[in-house]
Amino acid sequence: MINVESKRQLVAFSELYVELGILEKLLRVAIPKSLGSSAEDVMDLKWLAQIKLDPENTIRVEKAISRRLLAKKNLSVSITEFLPLSFWRWILHRRHFTTLWVPHTHKILVNPLTTLDLETLKSFERKLYIANQDRNVIAHYNTSLIISLDKSLANVRWLQEAMGLIKAE
């Protein structure tokens, strides 16, 4: 039986889960757009040609395409809906500084003219790593592993704002 305090805690963490979902949806649109694809055309996969996929992420893309077909959404939904947050985090890793960040993905940030340096990418990457960890913890209801809900929320909101999402009033 779940006690009242456990339920209260889950409700409190639901806000973080929603904010993480907003972040993930932002990444699904912003990254392909930064790599040259049309946000309006769900079949536009030009953005994938810009990425040299490693074996693990090749499998993720193949699974996303398969899942979209199985869901019978092959013409109405982008494969980005079926790619995990860890895929987007991998694209924004410092190992892709010269191949993706400088020419393309820095554009996901609100002020792309001042974000070309490695330190900006490292900062974004660290915060995105924490957000991905928090997402996994929340998704598996291991909320005791989150040290501070306020800090986790602040981290996710920083990422959202860096990508141009306006603060909620």
C-alpha atoms as a PDB file:
ATOM      1  CA  MET A   1       0.000   0.000   0.000  1.00  0.00           C
ATOM      2  CA  ILE A   2       1.263   3.476  -0.843  1.00  0.00           C
ATOM      3  CA  ASN A   3       1.090   5.953   1.990  1.00  0.00           C
ATOM      4  CA  VAL A   4       0.003   9.581   1.712  1.00  0.00           C
ATOM      5  CA  GLU A   5       3.565  10.907   1.919  1.00  0.00           C
ATOM      6  CA  SER A   6       4.701   8.705  -0.992  1.00  0.00           C
ATOM      7  CA  LYS A   7       1.811   9.958  -3.087  1.00  0.00           C
ATOM      8  CA  ARG A   8       2.580  13.579  -2.161  1.00  0.00           C
ATOM      9  CA  GLN A   9       6.199  13.060  -3.162  1.00  0.00           C
ATOM     10  CA  LEU A  10       5.211  11.603  -6.553  1.00  0.00           C
ATOM     11  CA  VAL A  11       2.921  14.561  -7.196  1.00  0.00           C
ATOM     12  CA  ALA A  12       5.758  16.954  -6.325  1.00  0.00           C
ATOM     13  CA  PHE A  13       8.097  15.185  -8.756  1.00  0.00           C
ATOM     14  CA  SER A  14       5.498  15.218 -11.524  1.00  0.00           C
ATOM     15  CA  GLU A  15       6.341  18.884 -12.186  1.00  0.00           C
ATOM     16  CA  LEU A  16       9.936  17.900 -12.931  1.00  0.00           C
ATOM     17  CA  TYR A  17       8.727  15.124 -15.225  1.00  0.00           C
ATOM     18  CA  VAL A  18       6.588  17.584 -17.205  1.00  0.00           C
ATOM     19  CA  GLU A  19       9.473  20.078 -17.500  1.00  0.00           C
ATOM     20  CA  LEU A  20      11.768  17.286 -18.704  1.00  0.00           C
ATOM     21  CA  GLY A  21       9.155  16.363 -21.316  1.00  0.00           C
ATOM     22  CA  ILE A  22       9.053  19.958 -22.540  1.00  0.00           C
ATOM     23  CA  LEU A  23      12.846  19.947 -22.815  1.00  0.00           C
ATOM     24  CA  GLU A  24      12.866  16.685 -24.750  1.00  0.00           C
ATOM     25  CA  LYS A  25      10.217  17.970 -27.170  1.00  0.00           C
ATOM     26  CA  LEU A  26      12.263  21.158 -27.678  1.00  0.00           C
ATOM     27  CA  LEU A  27      15.341  19.091 -28.544  1.00  0.00           C
ATOM     28  CA  ARG A  28      13.346  16.941 -31.005  1.00  0.00           C
ATOM     29  CA  VAL A  29      12.484  20.040 -33.006  1.00  0.00           C
ATOM     30  CA  ALA A  30      15.524  22.271 -32.487  1.00  0.00           C
ATOM     31  CA  ILE A  31      18.303  19.803 -33.289  1.00  0.00           C
ATOM     32  CA  PRO A  32      16.960  18.583 -36.653  1.00  0.00           C
ATOM     33  CA  LYS A  33      16.125  22.190 -37.571  1.00  0.00           C
ATOM     34  CA  SER A  34      19.692  23.281 -36.715  1.00  0.00           C
ATOM     35  CA  LEU A  35      20.956  20.516 -38.985  1.00  0.00           C
ATOM     36  CA  GLY A  36      18.944  21.806 -41.947  1.00  0.00           C
ATOM     37  CA  SER A  37      15.618  19.994 -41.807  1.00  0.00           C
ATOM     38  CA  SER A  38      12.219  21.566 -42.041  1.00  0.00           C
ATOM     39  CA  ALA A  39      10.315  21.486 -38.743  1.00  0.00           C
ATOM     40  CA  GLU A  40       7.055  21.297 -40.709  1.00  0.00           C
ATOM     41  CA  ASP A  41       8.006  18.297 -42.873  1.00  0.00           C
ATOM     42  CA  VAL A  42       7.942  15.143 -40.724  1.00  0.00           C
ATOM     43  CA  MET A  43       9.460  13.097 -43.541  1.00  0.00           C
ATOM     44  CA  ASP A  44      12.492  15.396 -43.919  1.00  0.00           C
ATOM     45  CA  LEU A  45      15.454  13.343 -42.723  1.00  0.00           C
ATOM     46  CA  LYS A  46      18.208  15.579 -44.196  1.00  0.00           C
ATOM     47  CA  TRP A  47      19.371  16.272 -40.668  1.00  0.00           C
ATOM     48  CA  LEU A  48      20.489  12.657 -40.240  1.00  0.00           C
ATOM     49  CA  ALA A  49      22.922  13.022 -43.143  1.00  0.00           C
ATOM     50  CA  GLN A  50      24.826  15.648 -41.098  1.00  0.00           C
ATOM     51  CA  ILE A  51      25.528  13.146 -38.301  1.00  0.00           C
ATOM     52  CA  LYS A  52      28.119  10.394 -38.350  1.00  0.00           C
ATOM     53  CA  LEU A  53      26.234   7.850 -36.286  1.00  0.00           C
ATOM     54  CA  ASP A  54      28.113   5.396 -34.120  1.00  0.00           C
ATOM     55  CA  PRO A  55      26.826   1.786 -33.978  1.00  0.00           C
ATOM     56  CA  GLU A  56      24.684   2.383 -30.871  1.00  0.00           C
ATOM     57  CA  ASN A  57      22.935   5.410 -32.347  1.00  0.00           C
ATOM     58  CA  THR A  58      22.544   3.739 -35.739  1.00  0.00           C
ATOM     59  CA  ILE A  59      20.510   1.110 -33.884  1.00  0.00           C
ATOM     60  CA  ARG A  60      18.504   3.837 -32.115  1.00  0.00           C
ATOM     61  CA  VAL A  61      17.617   5.453 -35.444  1.00  0.00           C
ATOM     62  CA  GLU A  62      16.711   2.086 -36.996  1.00  0.00           C
ATOM     63  CA  LYS A  63      14.493   1.312 -33.976  1.00  0.00           C
ATOM     64  CA  ALA A  64      12.838   4.724 -34.242  1.00  0.00           C
ATOM     65  CA  ILE A  65      12.020   4.120 -37.899  1.00  0.00           C
ATOM     66  CA  SER A  66      10.663   0.653 -37.070  1.00  0.00           C
ATOM     67  CA  ARG A  67       8.601   1.939 -34.157  1.00  0.00           C
ATOM     68  CA  ARG A  68       7.092   4.633 -36.321  1.00  0.00           C
ATOM     69  CA  LEU A  69       6.109   2.012 -38.908  1.00  0.00           C
ATOM     70  CA  LEU A  70       4.681  -0.304 -36.239  1.00  0.00           C
ATOM     71  CA  ALA A  71       2.664   2.555 -34.814  1.00  0.00           C
ATOM     72  CA  LYS A  72       1.264   3.112 -38.322  1.00  0.00           C
ATOM     73  CA  LYS A  73       2.399   6.714 -38.101  1.00  0.00           C
ATOM     74  CA  ASN A  74       4.941   6.506 -40.901  1.00  0.00           C
ATOM     75  CA  LEU A  75       3.546   9.491 -42.794  1.00  0.00           C
ATOM     76  CA  SER A  76       2.246  11.665 -39.983  1.00  0.00           C
ATOM     77  CA  VAL A  77       4.900  11.632 -37.269  1.00  0.00           C
ATOM     78  CA  SER A  78       8.612  12.346 -37.398  1.00  0.00           C
ATOM     79  CA  ILE A  79      11.028   9.651 -36.273  1.00  0.00           C
ATOM     80  CA  THR A  80      12.257  12.213 -33.743  1.00  0.00           C
ATOM     81  CA  GLU A  81       9.220  11.257 -31.619  1.00  0.00           C
ATOM     82  CA  PHE A  82      10.688   7.777 -31.265  1.00  0.00           C
ATOM     83  CA  LEU A  83      14.298   8.705 -30.444  1.00  0.00           C
ATOM     84  CA  PRO A  84      15.317   8.694 -26.760  1.00  0.00           C
ATOM     85  CA  LEU A  85      16.659  11.671 -24.833  1.00  0.00           C
ATOM     86  CA  SER A  86      20.043   9.937 -24.702  1.00  0.00           C
ATOM     87  CA  PHE A  87      20.240  10.201 -28.519  1.00  0.00           C
ATOM     88  CA  TRP A  88      19.846  13.986 -28.372  1.00  0.00           C
ATOM     89  CA  ARG A  89      22.344  14.165 -25.515  1.00  0.00           C
ATOM     90  CA  TRP A  90      24.848  12.187 -27.619  1.00  0.00           C
ATOM     91  CA  ILE A  91      24.507  14.703 -30.471  1.00  0.00           C
ATOM     92  CA  LEU A  92      25.269  17.545 -28.040  1.00  0.00           C
ATOM     93  CA  HIS A  93      28.391  15.884 -26.650  1.00  0.00           C
ATOM     94  CA  ARG A  94      31.705  17.764 -26.743  1.00  0.00           C
ATOM     95  CA  ARG A  95      33.143  15.101 -29.068  1.00  0.00           C
ATOM     96  CA  HIS A  96      30.974  16.730 -31.741  1.00  0.00           C
ATOM     97  CA  PHE A  97      32.257  20.239 -31.089  1.00  0.00           C
ATOM     98  CA  THR A  98      33.853  20.791 -34.504  1.00  0.00           C
ATOM     99  CA  THR A  99      31.630  18.486 -36.558  1.00  0.00           C
ATOM    100  CA  LEU A 100      28.176  19.429 -35.240  1.00  0.00           C
ATOM    101  CA  TRP A 101      28.268  22.219 -32.638  1.00  0.00           C
ATOM    102  CA  VAL A 102      30.247  24.877 -34.486  1.00  0.00           C
ATOM    103  CA  PRO A 103      28.644  24.465 -37.901  1.00  0.00           C
ATOM    104  CA  HIS A 104      25.117  23.544 -36.800  1.00  0.00           C
ATOM    105  CA  THR A 105      23.805  22.625 -33.365  1.00  0.00           C
ATOM    106  CA  HIS A 106      24.887  25.785 -31.538  1.00  0.00           C
ATOM    107  CA  LYS A 107      21.851  27.304 -33.282  1.00  0.00           C
ATOM    108  CA  ILE A 108      19.546  25.536 -30.814  1.00  0.00           C
ATOM    109  CA  LEU A 109      20.451  28.206 -28.282  1.00  0.00           C
ATOM    110  CA  VAL A 110      18.722  31.573 -28.046  1.00  0.00           C
ATOM    111  CA  ASN A 111      21.776  33.591 -28.980  1.00  0.00           C
ATOM    112  CA  PRO A 112      23.748  31.449 -31.450  1.00  0.00           C
ATOM    113  CA  LEU A 113      26.283  34.187 -32.248  1.00  0.00           C
ATOM    114  CA  THR A 114      27.781  33.978 -28.751  1.00  0.00           C
ATOM    115  CA  THR A 115      27.626  30.201 -28.293  1.00  0.00           C
ATOM    116  CA  LEU A 116      30.343  28.907 -30.590  1.00  0.00           C
ATOM    117  CA  ASP A 117      32.920  28.286 -27.852  1.00  0.00           C
ATOM    118  CA  LEU A 118      33.662  24.908 -26.294  1.00  0.00           C
ATOM    119  CA  GLU A 119      32.880  26.127 -22.768  1.00  0.00           C
ATOM    120  CA  THR A 120      29.281  26.911 -23.763  1.00  0.00           C
ATOM    121  CA  LEU A 121      28.869  23.417 -25.181  1.00  0.00           C
ATOM    122  CA  LYS A 122      30.445  21.847 -22.075  1.00  0.00           C
ATOM    123  CA  SER A 123      28.107  23.772 -19.798  1.00  0.00           C
ATOM    124  CA  PHE A 124      25.044  22.806 -21.834  1.00  0.00           C
ATOM    125  CA  GLU A 125      26.273  19.203 -22.042  1.00  0.00           C
ATOM    126  CA  ARG A 126      26.739  18.943 -18.238  1.00  0.00           C
ATOM    127  CA  LYS A 127      23.274  20.311 -17.562  1.00  0.00           C
ATOM    128  CA  LEU A 128      21.725  18.060 -20.194  1.00  0.00           C
ATOM    129  CA  TYR A 129      23.503  15.039 -18.667  1.00  0.00           C
ATOM    130  CA  ILE A 130      21.988  15.872 -15.263  1.00  0.00           C
ATOM    131  CA  ALA A 131      18.556  16.340 -16.840  1.00  0.00           C
ATOM    132  CA  ASN A 132      18.859  12.956 -18.569  1.00  0.00           C
ATOM    133  CA  GLN A 133      19.817  11.317 -15.267  1.00  0.00           C
ATOM    134  CA  ASP A 134      16.881  12.996 -13.519  1.00  0.00           C
ATOM    135  CA  ARG A 135      14.549  11.867 -16.291  1.00  0.00           C
ATOM    136  CA  ASN A 136      15.616   8.249 -15.860  1.00  0.00           C
ATOM    137  CA  VAL A 137      15.251   8.465 -12.085  1.00  0.00           C
ATOM    138  CA  ILE A 138      11.756   9.966 -12.358  1.00  0.00           C
ATOM    139  CA  ALA A 139      10.635   7.539 -15.079  1.00  0.00           C
ATOM    140  CA  HIS A 140      11.532   4.612 -12.820  1.00  0.00           C
ATOM    141  CA  TYR A 141      10.098   6.225  -9.672  1.00  0.00           C
ATOM    142  CA  ASN A 142      13.468   6.260  -7.893  1.00  0.00           C
ATOM    143  CA  THR A 143      12.827   9.753  -6.575  1.00  0.00           C
ATOM    144  CA  SER A 144      14.993   9.248  -3.498  1.00  0.00           C
ATOM    145  CA  LEU A 145      18.007   9.497  -5.832  1.00  0.00           C
ATOM    146  CA  ILE A 146      17.248  13.152  -6.581  1.00  0.00           C
ATOM    147  CA  ILE A 147      19.056  15.258  -4.003  1.00  0.00           C
ATOM    148  CA  SER A 148      17.122  18.482  -4.577  1.00  0.00           C
ATOM    149  CA  LEU A 149      13.923  18.828  -6.549  1.00  0.00           C
ATOM    150  CA  ASP A 150      14.415  22.604  -6.664  1.00  0.00           C
ATOM    151  CA  LYS A 151      17.920  22.255  -8.150  1.00  0.00           C
ATOM    152  CA  SER A 152      16.720  19.695 -10.682  1.00  0.00           C
ATOM    153  CA  LEU A 153      13.864  21.974 -11.751  1.00  0.00           C
ATOM    154  CA  ALA A 154      16.232  24.951 -11.989  1.00  0.00           C
ATOM    155  CA  ASN A 155      18.615  22.914 -14.164  1.00  0.00           C
ATOM    156  CA  VAL A 156      15.890  21.872 -16.606  1.00  0.00           C
ATOM    157  CA  ARG A 157      14.461  25.371 -16.761  1.00  0.00           C
ATOM    158  CA  TRP A 158      17.939  26.784 -17.469  1.00  0.00           C
ATOM    159  CA  LEU A 159      18.206  24.426 -20.456  1.00  0.00           C
ATOM    160  CA  GLN A 160      14.734  25.367 -21.675  1.00  0.00           C
ATOM    161  CA  GLU A 161      15.459  29.082 -21.396  1.00  0.00           C
ATOM    162  CA  ALA A 162      18.829  28.683 -23.125  1.00  0.00           C
ATOM    163  CA  MET A 163      16.865  27.180 -26.025  1.00  0.00           C
ATOM    164  CA  GLY A 164      14.434  30.090 -26.089  1.00  0.00           C
ATOM    165  CA  LEU A 165      11.518  28.878 -24.014  1.00  0.00           C
ATOM    166  CA  ILE A 166      10.131  31.839 -22.106  1.00  0.00           C
ATOM    167  CA  LYS A 167       9.701  31.590 -18.350  1.00  0.00           C
ATOM    168  CA  ALA A 168       6.196  30.769 -17.241  1.00  0.00           C
ATOM    169  CA  GLU A 169       4.594  33.498 -15.153  1.00  0.00           C
END
